Every structure is written in structure tokens, then in C-alpha cells.
Amino acid sequence: MAQIVGKLAVIGQGLIGSSITRAVVERGIAREIAVTDASDKVRRRVRELGLGEARVIETASETVANADLVVICVPVGQIAEVARQVVPAMKPGAVLSDVGSVKASVVDAIVPHLPEHIALVPAHPLAGTELSGPEAGLPSLFINRWCILTPPEGTDASAIAKATKFWEALGSKAEIMTPQHHDYVLSITSHLPHVAAYSIFHTALRFERETNSDVVKFSAGGFRDFTRIASSNPAMWRDIFLGNKDQVLEILRRFQGDLEAFAEAIANEDGDRLVELLSTSRLTRRKVIEKEHISLQPKPDSMKSDRVLARPYSSDF
């Protein structure tokens, strides 16, 4: 594959950061790649893993020196601070990006500190697993997955094009949204499901304690599949929920109303209403989500790794 960027800098080598590193090395997307992580242990582990020609650097400022594209792959609560640290070390004309699951608050925190010669093109790859750390990285993680780009108003078109080409080279389908619209969309498709998964597990555990009986160990496929994302990093999701507070609260209120509609139909033994509620959800899933899921499945020849894969879900950060 043709090189998309000269030097790429990746800050953070968790699931997403190490997946970017692996994919870039495997596909030859960058002439040079430098990576770092705030954790000494993670940096040592990345060196041990030997991710191709990726150079592991001690500090973020050194990592971004002379980079054409800088991708910050740290939890949402740390993105703005890392950006403020590295921007002074970035060269004129470079593009700054991230992979976070919240956009508006992060953009608002970064833009006031951004010099005119640096372009900000935030990104959110809708890809991830419940695993974490540099060992969890997969070069195929982004193949046929959406990546939402949220450049602030007035961002240079060439910078947006560079970021778009980069994510497409990783195998993603790029879509551009405003930061605000992104946060509304993700509050429904990602943040609400995580709140629900954590809540269902809390309910089950509380029921176990109150009844002094086993519950979770008898969970069937539906419970296990849905609550699998409750094993995600708690600190990361704390930052996401608080960073997108207004949208998450609005969606939770809507969700509570829908739960009450189900509860009312069940309490009233209103079978027709239940069928109506269930049918609407079923038809919508079949028309949109299942069709999209089938079309986005990676082709066998694009899956080069022979590792046992964790099951993917919408997003990591």
C-alpha cells in the first residue's frame, strides 16, 4: 500500500493505539512511526512485542517531533492535557487527532491552545474489544468499521483529507460529523448500552445478595453477550460519561420513559402494546443494524492474524 503520511506519532499503546501501530506497520502506511505511552511498563512491553519498525520513545514531546500526523490514543479525560503538552513540539502544518468517544468537550478544551499552524481533526474509530493493553492490539481491528471525524468549523480541507485517507488506509469507512452531533449519536449507540450493561450487572449482583442465591452463574447467552462490555475499563468509562454528561443524561431520561412503557404494558397485561413495542424494535434492527453488520464483516483474506480474537463492539474510547 502507498504511504499516506511521512512520520506518524501515536501517543498511547493500549488496544486502539497498538492496533493503529500494528496496522500501519503491516500496511506500510507511514514512512516512519514513533510511539510512546505514559507507562514505563507499557513502553517496555511494546519493545518486547517488537512491533515492526515502530520506534518506542520515552516522552510524548520527543515522539511528535517532525511528525506529519499525531494521534492521541489515551482515555478521554486525558486527551486535552496530552494535546496541550505536545502541541508546542509539533511542526507547522502537522495534523493533530485522537480516538476518543467524546468530542465536543475535548474540542472545546483543545482549540483555545491550538496555534494556527496546527490542524485539529478529531477521530473516533467505532471499533474495539473488551480487552486492553498493547497485547490486545489487532492490525485488522478497523477493517470495515466506521471512523467518525469531527473537525472544528474552519479546519483546513487538506488536513481533513489527510486524516480521512489515513483512516481509510487502516480499512475504516470515514464519516464527517460535527462534534456535537457525534456526541448525541454516540450517547445512544455506545454510551447508553454501557450504562445499561453495568446497571444490569449491578441489579443481578444485588439480587444475589438479597436472596442469598446464585444468579449470574446461570446467565444465558443474552445476559452474557449484553453484559460483556461491563468488563471494560471503569476509569475510561467514568471519563466518557462525565465528558458527555448532558447527552448521556438526556438519553437516559428517554430510555427510562421507554422502560416505563414496557413496564406499563406488562403490568396491564396489554399484549397488543407489547407486540407493538417488540415488533418496532425487531423490524428496525433487521432493516438497519443487521444489514449493516453483514456488509461490514471483514473478508477472510483481510484477516491476516491467526490469533484468537475477542469479540468486537462499537468503541473503545
C-alpha atoms as a PDB file:
ATOM      1  CA  MET A   1       0.000   0.000   0.000  1.00  0.00           C
ATOM      2  CA  ALA A   2       1.205   3.518  -0.766  1.00  0.00           C
ATOM      3  CA  GLN A   3       2.433   5.633   2.126  1.00  0.00           C
ATOM      4  CA  ILE A   4      -0.235   8.028   3.416  1.00  0.00           C
ATOM      5  CA  VAL A   5       1.905  10.016   5.858  1.00  0.00           C
ATOM      6  CA  GLY A   6       5.599  10.675   6.271  1.00  0.00           C
ATOM      7  CA  LYS A   7       6.077  10.388  10.020  1.00  0.00           C
ATOM      8  CA  LEU A   8       3.249   9.159  12.247  1.00  0.00           C
ATOM      9  CA  ALA A   9       3.275   9.630  16.022  1.00  0.00           C
ATOM     10  CA  VAL A  10       0.980   7.528  18.207  1.00  0.00           C
ATOM     11  CA  ILE A  11       0.640   8.529  21.850  1.00  0.00           C
ATOM     12  CA  GLY A  12      -0.774   5.700  23.959  1.00  0.00           C
ATOM     13  CA  GLN A  13      -0.346   1.998  23.267  1.00  0.00           C
ATOM     14  CA  GLY A  14      -3.496   0.438  24.649  1.00  0.00           C
ATOM     15  CA  LEU A  15      -5.933  -1.511  22.486  1.00  0.00           C
ATOM     16  CA  ILE A  16      -6.575   1.254  19.946  1.00  0.00           C
ATOM     17  CA  GLY A  17      -3.088   2.744  19.898  1.00  0.00           C
ATOM     18  CA  SER A  18      -1.350  -0.610  19.496  1.00  0.00           C
ATOM     19  CA  SER A  19      -3.878  -1.648  16.835  1.00  0.00           C
ATOM     20  CA  ILE A  20      -3.049   1.502  14.863  1.00  0.00           C
ATOM     21  CA  THR A  21       0.653   0.751  15.261  1.00  0.00           C
ATOM     22  CA  ARG A  22       0.246  -2.838  14.070  1.00  0.00           C
ATOM     23  CA  ALA A  23      -1.942  -1.857  11.112  1.00  0.00           C
ATOM     24  CA  VAL A  24       0.381   0.943   9.982  1.00  0.00           C
ATOM     25  CA  VAL A  25       3.433  -1.310  10.190  1.00  0.00           C
ATOM     26  CA  GLU A  26       1.676  -4.181   8.412  1.00  0.00           C
ATOM     27  CA  ARG A  27       0.361  -1.989   5.590  1.00  0.00           C
ATOM     28  CA  GLY A  28       3.299   0.369   5.171  1.00  0.00           C
ATOM     29  CA  ILE A  29       1.066   3.404   5.643  1.00  0.00           C
ATOM     30  CA  ALA A  30       3.799   5.626   7.121  1.00  0.00           C
ATOM     31  CA  ARG A  31       7.439   6.135   6.183  1.00  0.00           C
ATOM     32  CA  GLU A  32       8.271   6.364   9.883  1.00  0.00           C
ATOM     33  CA  ILE A  33       6.289   5.605  13.044  1.00  0.00           C
ATOM     34  CA  ALA A  34       7.136   6.682  16.579  1.00  0.00           C
ATOM     35  CA  VAL A  35       5.076   5.574  19.570  1.00  0.00           C
ATOM     36  CA  THR A  36       5.026   6.217  23.279  1.00  0.00           C
ATOM     37  CA  ASP A  37       2.987   5.631  26.417  1.00  0.00           C
ATOM     38  CA  ALA A  38       2.954   7.343  29.799  1.00  0.00           C
ATOM     39  CA  SER A  39       3.543   3.968  31.464  1.00  0.00           C
ATOM     40  CA  ASP A  40       7.117   2.661  31.674  1.00  0.00           C
ATOM     41  CA  LYS A  41       5.691  -0.856  31.857  1.00  0.00           C
ATOM     42  CA  VAL A  42       3.690  -0.406  28.646  1.00  0.00           C
ATOM     43  CA  ARG A  43       6.674   1.044  26.781  1.00  0.00           C
ATOM     44  CA  ARG A  44       8.796  -1.926  27.848  1.00  0.00           C
ATOM     45  CA  ARG A  45       6.065  -4.309  26.734  1.00  0.00           C
ATOM     46  CA  VAL A  46       5.764  -2.644  23.319  1.00  0.00           C
ATOM     47  CA  ARG A  47       9.508  -3.051  22.861  1.00  0.00           C
ATOM     48  CA  GLU A  48       9.221  -6.719  23.837  1.00  0.00           C
ATOM     49  CA  LEU A  49       6.411  -7.231  21.339  1.00  0.00           C
ATOM     50  CA  GLY A  50       8.659  -5.888  18.595  1.00  0.00           C
ATOM     51  CA  LEU A  51       6.031  -4.107  16.515  1.00  0.00           C
ATOM     52  CA  GLY A  52       7.972  -3.919  13.283  1.00  0.00           C
ATOM     53  CA  GLU A  53       9.859  -0.701  12.627  1.00  0.00           C
ATOM     54  CA  ALA A  54       7.854   1.296  15.195  1.00  0.00           C
ATOM     55  CA  ARG A  55      10.258   3.222  17.432  1.00  0.00           C
ATOM     56  CA  VAL A  56       9.331   3.437  21.113  1.00  0.00           C
ATOM     57  CA  ILE A  57      10.147   6.889  22.508  1.00  0.00           C
ATOM     58  CA  GLU A  58      10.325   7.902  26.168  1.00  0.00           C
ATOM     59  CA  THR A  59       8.325  11.151  26.074  1.00  0.00           C
ATOM     60  CA  ALA A  60       5.346  12.438  24.129  1.00  0.00           C
ATOM     61  CA  SER A  61       7.126  15.643  23.104  1.00  0.00           C
ATOM     62  CA  GLU A  62      10.022  13.702  21.583  1.00  0.00           C
ATOM     63  CA  THR A  63       7.576  11.346  19.874  1.00  0.00           C
ATOM     64  CA  VAL A  64       5.736  14.092  17.980  1.00  0.00           C
ATOM     65  CA  ALA A  65       8.856  15.917  16.779  1.00  0.00           C
ATOM     66  CA  ASN A  66       8.692  16.316  12.969  1.00  0.00           C
ATOM     67  CA  ALA A  67       5.537  14.160  12.779  1.00  0.00           C
ATOM     68  CA  ASP A  68       3.072  14.871   9.979  1.00  0.00           C
ATOM     69  CA  LEU A  69       0.187  13.237  11.853  1.00  0.00           C
ATOM     70  CA  VAL A  70      -0.142  12.841  15.624  1.00  0.00           C
ATOM     71  CA  VAL A  71      -2.819  10.503  17.000  1.00  0.00           C
ATOM     72  CA  ILE A  72      -3.548  10.697  20.729  1.00  0.00           C
ATOM     73  CA  CYS A  73      -4.808   7.334  21.982  1.00  0.00           C
ATOM     74  CA  VAL A  74      -5.406   7.959  25.682  1.00  0.00           C
ATOM     75  CA  PRO A  75      -8.622   7.962  27.769  1.00  0.00           C
ATOM     76  CA  VAL A  76     -10.998  10.860  27.140  1.00  0.00           C
ATOM     77  CA  GLY A  77     -10.180  12.556  30.429  1.00  0.00           C
ATOM     78  CA  GLN A  78      -6.506  12.852  29.465  1.00  0.00           C
ATOM     79  CA  ILE A  79      -6.751  13.913  25.799  1.00  0.00           C
ATOM     80  CA  ALA A  80      -6.846  17.687  26.282  1.00  0.00           C
ATOM     81  CA  GLU A  81      -3.897  17.698  28.692  1.00  0.00           C
ATOM     82  CA  VAL A  82      -1.785  15.496  26.412  1.00  0.00           C
ATOM     83  CA  ALA A  83      -2.671  17.746  23.468  1.00  0.00           C
ATOM     84  CA  ARG A  84      -1.560  20.837  25.376  1.00  0.00           C
ATOM     85  CA  GLN A  85       1.741  19.100  26.184  1.00  0.00           C
ATOM     86  CA  VAL A  86       2.602  18.034  22.640  1.00  0.00           C
ATOM     87  CA  VAL A  87       1.343  20.945  20.519  1.00  0.00           C
ATOM     88  CA  PRO A  88       4.413  23.128  21.251  1.00  0.00           C
ATOM     89  CA  ALA A  89       6.664  20.323  19.938  1.00  0.00           C
ATOM     90  CA  MET A  90       4.689  19.745  16.720  1.00  0.00           C
ATOM     91  CA  LYS A  91       5.944  21.112  13.420  1.00  0.00           C
ATOM     92  CA  PRO A  92       3.956  23.654  11.367  1.00  0.00           C
ATOM     93  CA  GLY A  93       1.445  22.013   9.057  1.00  0.00           C
ATOM     94  CA  ALA A  94       1.064  18.888  11.196  1.00  0.00           C
ATOM     95  CA  VAL A  95      -2.338  17.358  11.912  1.00  0.00           C
ATOM     96  CA  LEU A  96      -3.418  16.519  15.466  1.00  0.00           C
ATOM     97  CA  SER A  97      -6.024  13.810  16.019  1.00  0.00           C
ATOM     98  CA  ASP A  98      -7.331  11.464  18.700  1.00  0.00           C
ATOM     99  CA  VAL A  99      -9.553   8.387  19.055  1.00  0.00           C
ATOM    100  CA  GLY A 100     -11.871   9.407  21.894  1.00  0.00           C
ATOM    101  CA  SER A 101     -15.540   8.567  22.332  1.00  0.00           C
ATOM    102  CA  VAL A 102     -16.445  12.146  23.360  1.00  0.00           C
ATOM    103  CA  LYS A 103     -15.786  15.081  21.070  1.00  0.00           C
ATOM    104  CA  ALA A 104     -17.415  18.430  21.930  1.00  0.00           C
ATOM    105  CA  SER A 105     -15.887  18.873  25.391  1.00  0.00           C
ATOM    106  CA  VAL A 106     -12.460  17.721  24.181  1.00  0.00           C
ATOM    107  CA  VAL A 107     -12.510  20.030  21.150  1.00  0.00           C
ATOM    108  CA  ASP A 108     -13.581  22.950  23.356  1.00  0.00           C
ATOM    109  CA  ALA A 109     -10.662  22.236  25.693  1.00  0.00           C
ATOM    110  CA  ILE A 110      -8.040  21.948  22.933  1.00  0.00           C
ATOM    111  CA  VAL A 111      -8.940  24.688  20.428  1.00  0.00           C
ATOM    112  CA  PRO A 112      -8.007  27.674  22.665  1.00  0.00           C
ATOM    113  CA  HIS A 113      -4.471  26.278  22.971  1.00  0.00           C
ATOM    114  CA  LEU A 114      -4.060  25.357  19.295  1.00  0.00           C
ATOM    115  CA  PRO A 115      -1.723  27.535  17.192  1.00  0.00           C
ATOM    116  CA  GLU A 116      -2.833  28.432  13.679  1.00  0.00           C
ATOM    117  CA  HIS A 117      -0.160  26.258  12.078  1.00  0.00           C
ATOM    118  CA  ILE A 118      -1.562  23.030  13.628  1.00  0.00           C
ATOM    119  CA  ALA A 119      -4.821  21.495  12.334  1.00  0.00           C
ATOM    120  CA  LEU A 120      -7.127  19.563  14.669  1.00  0.00           C
ATOM    121  CA  VAL A 121      -9.077  16.672  13.124  1.00  0.00           C
ATOM    122  CA  PRO A 122     -10.507  14.529  15.951  1.00  0.00           C
ATOM    123  CA  ALA A 123     -11.461  10.970  15.072  1.00  0.00           C
ATOM    124  CA  HIS A 124     -13.436   8.172  16.678  1.00  0.00           C
ATOM    125  CA  PRO A 125     -12.984   4.665  15.264  1.00  0.00           C
ATOM    126  CA  LEU A 126     -16.084   2.638  16.137  1.00  0.00           C
ATOM    127  CA  ALA A 127     -14.057  -0.444  16.878  1.00  0.00           C
ATOM    128  CA  GLY A 128     -12.823  -2.184  19.973  1.00  0.00           C
ATOM    129  CA  THR A 129     -13.000  -5.211  22.220  1.00  0.00           C
ATOM    130  CA  GLU A 130     -13.359  -5.668  25.959  1.00  0.00           C
ATOM    131  CA  LEU A 131      -9.603  -6.299  26.165  1.00  0.00           C
ATOM    132  CA  SER A 132      -6.936  -3.687  26.832  1.00  0.00           C
ATOM    133  CA  GLY A 133      -3.198  -3.173  26.719  1.00  0.00           C
ATOM    134  CA  PRO A 134      -0.622  -3.438  23.927  1.00  0.00           C
ATOM    135  CA  GLU A 135      -1.034  -7.218  23.690  1.00  0.00           C
ATOM    136  CA  ALA A 136      -4.693  -6.744  22.708  1.00  0.00           C
ATOM    137  CA  GLY A 137      -3.901  -4.799  19.543  1.00  0.00           C
ATOM    138  CA  LEU A 138      -5.109  -6.185  16.214  1.00  0.00           C
ATOM    139  CA  PRO A 139      -3.998  -4.924  12.794  1.00  0.00           C
ATOM    140  CA  SER A 140      -7.432  -5.858  11.431  1.00  0.00           C
ATOM    141  CA  LEU A 141      -9.417  -4.047  14.148  1.00  0.00           C
ATOM    142  CA  PHE A 142     -10.548  -1.151  11.937  1.00  0.00           C
ATOM    143  CA  ILE A 143     -11.361  -3.072   8.768  1.00  0.00           C
ATOM    144  CA  ASN A 144     -14.881  -2.193   7.543  1.00  0.00           C
ATOM    145  CA  ARG A 145     -15.625  -0.245  10.739  1.00  0.00           C
ATOM    146  CA  TRP A 146     -16.878   3.316  10.819  1.00  0.00           C
ATOM    147  CA  CYS A 147     -14.495   6.085  11.828  1.00  0.00           C
ATOM    148  CA  ILE A 148     -16.189   9.396  12.587  1.00  0.00           C
ATOM    149  CA  LEU A 149     -14.145  12.555  12.006  1.00  0.00           C
ATOM    150  CA  THR A 150     -15.227  15.720  13.823  1.00  0.00           C
ATOM    151  CA  PRO A 151     -13.105  18.651  12.601  1.00  0.00           C
ATOM    152  CA  PRO A 152     -13.995  22.010  14.167  1.00  0.00           C
ATOM    153  CA  GLU A 153     -15.555  24.596  11.880  1.00  0.00           C
ATOM    154  CA  GLY A 154     -12.959  26.242   9.665  1.00  0.00           C
ATOM    155  CA  THR A 155     -10.488  23.345   9.667  1.00  0.00           C
ATOM    156  CA  ASP A 156      -8.290  23.271   6.567  1.00  0.00           C
ATOM    157  CA  ALA A 157      -9.710  20.912   3.941  1.00  0.00           C
ATOM    158  CA  SER A 158      -6.317  19.354   3.206  1.00  0.00           C
ATOM    159  CA  ALA A 159      -5.927  18.376   6.871  1.00  0.00           C
ATOM    160  CA  ILE A 160      -9.342  16.712   6.847  1.00  0.00           C
ATOM    161  CA  ALA A 161      -8.414  14.890   3.648  1.00  0.00           C
ATOM    162  CA  LYS A 162      -5.145  13.668   5.182  1.00  0.00           C
ATOM    163  CA  ALA A 163      -6.915  12.286   8.265  1.00  0.00           C
ATOM    164  CA  THR A 164      -9.628  10.714   6.113  1.00  0.00           C
ATOM    165  CA  LYS A 165      -7.098   8.962   3.872  1.00  0.00           C
ATOM    166  CA  PHE A 166      -5.230   7.698   6.923  1.00  0.00           C
ATOM    167  CA  TRP A 167      -8.279   6.021   8.448  1.00  0.00           C
ATOM    168  CA  GLU A 168      -9.398   4.650   5.114  1.00  0.00           C
ATOM    169  CA  ALA A 169      -5.926   3.150   4.685  1.00  0.00           C
ATOM    170  CA  LEU A 170      -6.478   1.337   8.001  1.00  0.00           C
ATOM    171  CA  GLY A 171      -9.631  -0.153   6.471  1.00  0.00           C
ATOM    172  CA  SER A 172     -12.216   2.150   8.048  1.00  0.00           C
ATOM    173  CA  LYS A 173     -15.251   3.816   6.472  1.00  0.00           C
ATOM    174  CA  ALA A 174     -14.862   7.524   7.209  1.00  0.00           C
ATOM    175  CA  GLU A 175     -17.782   9.825   8.023  1.00  0.00           C
ATOM    176  CA  ILE A 176     -17.643  13.517   8.969  1.00  0.00           C
ATOM    177  CA  MET A 177     -19.886  14.973  11.689  1.00  0.00           C
ATOM    178  CA  THR A 178     -19.872  17.995  13.950  1.00  0.00           C
ATOM    179  CA  PRO A 179     -18.519  17.242  17.441  1.00  0.00           C
ATOM    180  CA  GLN A 180     -21.951  17.951  18.923  1.00  0.00           C
ATOM    181  CA  HIS A 181     -23.816  15.583  16.594  1.00  0.00           C
ATOM    182  CA  HIS A 182     -21.216  12.881  17.207  1.00  0.00           C
ATOM    183  CA  ASP A 183     -21.822  13.102  20.952  1.00  0.00           C
ATOM    184  CA  TYR A 184     -25.592  12.757  20.534  1.00  0.00           C
ATOM    185  CA  VAL A 185     -25.203   9.763  18.234  1.00  0.00           C
ATOM    186  CA  LEU A 186     -22.681   8.000  20.469  1.00  0.00           C
ATOM    187  CA  SER A 187     -24.714   8.680  23.600  1.00  0.00           C
ATOM    188  CA  ILE A 188     -27.327   6.363  22.080  1.00  0.00           C
ATOM    189  CA  THR A 189     -25.230   3.794  20.247  1.00  0.00           C
ATOM    190  CA  SER A 190     -22.356   3.391  22.709  1.00  0.00           C
ATOM    191  CA  HIS A 191     -22.697   5.252  25.996  1.00  0.00           C
ATOM    192  CA  LEU A 192     -26.266   4.166  26.816  1.00  0.00           C
ATOM    193  CA  PRO A 193     -25.532   0.452  26.164  1.00  0.00           C
ATOM    194  CA  HIS A 194     -22.582   0.635  28.545  1.00  0.00           C
ATOM    195  CA  VAL A 195     -24.692   2.286  31.256  1.00  0.00           C
ATOM    196  CA  ALA A 196     -27.314  -0.423  30.742  1.00  0.00           C
ATOM    197  CA  ALA A 197     -24.751  -3.243  30.840  1.00  0.00           C
ATOM    198  CA  TYR A 198     -23.192  -2.007  34.071  1.00  0.00           C
ATOM    199  CA  SER A 199     -26.664  -1.456  35.566  1.00  0.00           C
ATOM    200  CA  ILE A 200     -27.900  -4.941  34.653  1.00  0.00           C
ATOM    201  CA  PHE A 201     -24.873  -6.477  36.330  1.00  0.00           C
ATOM    202  CA  HIS A 202     -25.431  -4.343  39.444  1.00  0.00           C
ATOM    203  CA  THR A 203     -29.072  -5.463  39.530  1.00  0.00           C
ATOM    204  CA  ALA A 204     -28.095  -9.125  39.225  1.00  0.00           C
ATOM    205  CA  LEU A 205     -25.439  -8.884  41.933  1.00  0.00           C
ATOM    206  CA  ARG A 206     -27.783  -7.032  44.277  1.00  0.00           C
ATOM    207  CA  PHE A 207     -30.436  -9.700  43.710  1.00  0.00           C
ATOM    208  CA  GLU A 208     -27.855 -12.375  44.539  1.00  0.00           C
ATOM    209  CA  ARG A 209     -27.041 -10.673  47.837  1.00  0.00           C
ATOM    210  CA  GLU A 210     -30.653 -10.042  48.765  1.00  0.00           C
ATOM    211  CA  THR A 211     -31.764 -13.611  48.026  1.00  0.00           C
ATOM    212  CA  ASN A 212     -28.530 -15.306  49.101  1.00  0.00           C
ATOM    213  CA  SER A 213     -28.623 -17.334  45.893  1.00  0.00           C
ATOM    214  CA  ASP A 214     -26.625 -17.831  42.710  1.00  0.00           C
ATOM    215  CA  VAL A 215     -27.838 -15.780  39.769  1.00  0.00           C
ATOM    216  CA  VAL A 216     -25.022 -14.708  37.474  1.00  0.00           C
ATOM    217  CA  LYS A 217     -23.566 -18.193  37.059  1.00  0.00           C
ATOM    218  CA  PHE A 218     -26.850 -19.308  35.469  1.00  0.00           C
ATOM    219  CA  SER A 219     -26.838 -16.467  32.940  1.00  0.00           C
ATOM    220  CA  ALA A 220     -27.825 -17.429  29.413  1.00  0.00           C
ATOM    221  CA  GLY A 221     -26.441 -16.148  26.128  1.00  0.00           C
ATOM    222  CA  GLY A 222     -28.397 -12.909  26.085  1.00  0.00           C
ATOM    223  CA  PHE A 223     -27.179 -11.848  29.534  1.00  0.00           C
ATOM    224  CA  ARG A 224     -23.587 -12.804  28.801  1.00  0.00           C
ATOM    225  CA  ASP A 225     -23.495 -11.155  25.372  1.00  0.00           C
ATOM    226  CA  PHE A 226     -25.053  -7.903  26.504  1.00  0.00           C
ATOM    227  CA  THR A 227     -23.098  -7.540  29.748  1.00  0.00           C
ATOM    228  CA  ARG A 228     -19.750  -8.482  28.191  1.00  0.00           C
ATOM    229  CA  ILE A 229     -18.990  -4.787  27.733  1.00  0.00           C
ATOM    230  CA  ALA A 230     -19.345  -4.327  31.507  1.00  0.00           C
ATOM    231  CA  SER A 231     -15.811  -5.748  31.714  1.00  0.00           C
ATOM    232  CA  SER A 232     -14.489  -2.595  30.022  1.00  0.00           C
ATOM    233  CA  ASN A 233     -12.176  -0.199  31.857  1.00  0.00           C
ATOM    234  CA  PRO A 234     -14.203   1.595  34.603  1.00  0.00           C
ATOM    235  CA  ALA A 235     -11.985   4.698  34.736  1.00  0.00           C
ATOM    236  CA  MET A 236     -12.213   5.106  30.979  1.00  0.00           C
ATOM    237  CA  TRP A 237     -15.997   4.917  31.027  1.00  0.00           C
ATOM    238  CA  ARG A 238     -16.218   7.277  34.001  1.00  0.00           C
ATOM    239  CA  ASP A 239     -14.452   9.888  31.863  1.00  0.00           C
ATOM    240  CA  ILE A 240     -16.726   9.199  28.889  1.00  0.00           C
ATOM    241  CA  PHE A 241     -19.944   9.503  30.912  1.00  0.00           C
ATOM    242  CA  LEU A 242     -18.801  12.728  32.588  1.00  0.00           C
ATOM    243  CA  GLY A 243     -17.334  14.164  29.385  1.00  0.00           C
ATOM    244  CA  ASN A 244     -20.649  13.664  27.585  1.00  0.00           C
ATOM    245  CA  LYS A 245     -22.814  14.327  30.639  1.00  0.00           C
ATOM    246  CA  ASP A 246     -25.651  16.348  29.101  1.00  0.00           C
ATOM    247  CA  GLN A 247     -26.255  13.991  26.179  1.00  0.00           C
ATOM    248  CA  VAL A 248     -25.973  10.853  28.320  1.00  0.00           C
ATOM    249  CA  LEU A 249     -28.466  12.234  30.844  1.00  0.00           C
ATOM    250  CA  GLU A 250     -30.909  13.196  28.092  1.00  0.00           C
ATOM    251  CA  ILE A 251     -30.722   9.717  26.541  1.00  0.00           C
ATOM    252  CA  LEU A 252     -31.083   8.076  29.954  1.00  0.00           C
ATOM    253  CA  ARG A 253     -34.293  10.042  30.527  1.00  0.00           C
ATOM    254  CA  ARG A 254     -35.624   8.878  27.158  1.00  0.00           C
ATOM    255  CA  PHE A 255     -34.590   5.306  27.965  1.00  0.00           C
ATOM    256  CA  GLN A 256     -36.341   5.455  31.330  1.00  0.00           C
ATOM    257  CA  GLY A 257     -39.511   6.521  29.530  1.00  0.00           C
ATOM    258  CA  ASP A 258     -39.245   3.541  27.179  1.00  0.00           C
ATOM    259  CA  LEU A 259     -38.681   1.184  30.122  1.00  0.00           C
ATOM    260  CA  GLU A 260     -41.772   2.599  31.795  1.00  0.00           C
ATOM    261  CA  ALA A 261     -43.775   1.934  28.616  1.00  0.00           C
ATOM    262  CA  PHE A 262     -42.731  -1.729  28.743  1.00  0.00           C
ATOM    263  CA  ALA A 263     -43.459  -1.926  32.472  1.00  0.00           C
ATOM    264  CA  GLU A 264     -46.913  -0.403  31.981  1.00  0.00           C
ATOM    265  CA  ALA A 265     -47.774  -2.821  29.160  1.00  0.00           C
ATOM    266  CA  ILE A 266     -46.658  -5.804  31.244  1.00  0.00           C
ATOM    267  CA  ALA A 267     -48.487  -4.592  34.362  1.00  0.00           C
ATOM    268  CA  ASN A 268     -51.691  -4.092  32.358  1.00  0.00           C
ATOM    269  CA  GLU A 269     -51.239  -7.417  30.542  1.00  0.00           C
ATOM    270  CA  ASP A 270     -51.557  -5.410  27.341  1.00  0.00           C
ATOM    271  CA  GLY A 271     -50.348  -7.983  24.832  1.00  0.00           C
ATOM    272  CA  ASP A 272     -51.102  -5.832  21.798  1.00  0.00           C
ATOM    273  CA  ARG A 273     -48.991  -2.983  23.153  1.00  0.00           C
ATOM    274  CA  LEU A 274     -46.133  -5.361  23.951  1.00  0.00           C
ATOM    275  CA  VAL A 275     -46.197  -6.805  20.444  1.00  0.00           C
ATOM    276  CA  GLU A 276     -46.180  -3.273  19.043  1.00  0.00           C
ATOM    277  CA  LEU A 277     -43.145  -2.293  21.126  1.00  0.00           C
ATOM    278  CA  LEU A 278     -41.283  -5.508  20.370  1.00  0.00           C
ATOM    279  CA  SER A 279     -42.108  -5.507  16.658  1.00  0.00           C
ATOM    280  CA  THR A 280     -40.901  -1.947  16.125  1.00  0.00           C
ATOM    281  CA  SER A 281     -37.532  -2.777  17.669  1.00  0.00           C
ATOM    282  CA  ARG A 282     -37.232  -6.060  15.779  1.00  0.00           C
ATOM    283  CA  LEU A 283     -38.033  -4.561  12.382  1.00  0.00           C
ATOM    284  CA  THR A 284     -35.674  -1.625  12.872  1.00  0.00           C
ATOM    285  CA  ARG A 285     -32.807  -3.901  13.840  1.00  0.00           C
ATOM    286  CA  ARG A 286     -33.368  -6.111  10.807  1.00  0.00           C
ATOM    287  CA  LYS A 287     -33.573  -3.183   8.391  1.00  0.00           C
ATOM    288  CA  VAL A 288     -30.612  -1.223   9.696  1.00  0.00           C
ATOM    289  CA  ILE A 289     -28.270  -2.899  12.152  1.00  0.00           C
ATOM    290  CA  GLU A 290     -28.245  -6.494  10.905  1.00  0.00           C
ATOM    291  CA  LYS A 291     -27.936  -5.357   7.278  1.00  0.00           C
ATOM    292  CA  GLU A 292     -25.074  -3.035   8.204  1.00  0.00           C
ATOM    293  CA  HIS A 293     -23.401  -5.734  10.309  1.00  0.00           C
ATOM    294  CA  ILE A 294     -23.394  -8.189   7.409  1.00  0.00           C
ATOM    295  CA  SER A 295     -21.989  -5.618   4.980  1.00  0.00           C
ATOM    296  CA  LEU A 296     -19.229  -4.620   7.402  1.00  0.00           C
ATOM    297  CA  GLN A 297     -17.883  -8.104   8.155  1.00  0.00           C
ATOM    298  CA  PRO A 298     -14.197  -8.337   7.240  1.00  0.00           C
ATOM    299  CA  LYS A 299     -13.467 -10.600   4.289  1.00  0.00           C
ATOM    300  CA  PRO A 300     -11.441 -13.723   5.148  1.00  0.00           C
ATOM    301  CA  ASP A 301      -8.408 -12.567   3.177  1.00  0.00           C
ATOM    302  CA  SER A 302      -8.284  -9.312   5.144  1.00  0.00           C
ATOM    303  CA  MET A 303      -7.879 -11.117   8.457  1.00  0.00           C
ATOM    304  CA  LYS A 304      -4.156 -11.852   8.498  1.00  0.00           C
ATOM    305  CA  SER A 305      -3.826 -12.559  12.205  1.00  0.00           C
ATOM    306  CA  ASP A 306      -4.082 -16.155  13.389  1.00  0.00           C
ATOM    307  CA  ARG A 307      -4.756 -15.083  16.952  1.00  0.00           C
ATOM    308  CA  VAL A 308      -7.940 -15.933  18.814  1.00  0.00           C
ATOM    309  CA  LEU A 309      -9.918 -12.700  18.582  1.00  0.00           C
ATOM    310  CA  ALA A 310     -12.006 -11.051  21.235  1.00  0.00           C
ATOM    311  CA  ARG A 311     -15.497 -10.220  20.073  1.00  0.00           C
ATOM    312  CA  PRO A 312     -15.659  -6.657  18.717  1.00  0.00           C
ATOM    313  CA  TYR A 313     -18.080  -3.979  19.808  1.00  0.00           C
ATOM    314  CA  SER A 314     -18.701  -0.390  18.885  1.00  0.00           C
ATOM    315  CA  SER A 315     -15.958   1.585  20.550  1.00  0.00           C
ATOM    316  CA  ASP A 316     -13.097   1.531  22.959  1.00  0.00           C
ATOM    317  CA  PHE A 317     -12.538   5.116  23.979  1.00  0.00           C
END
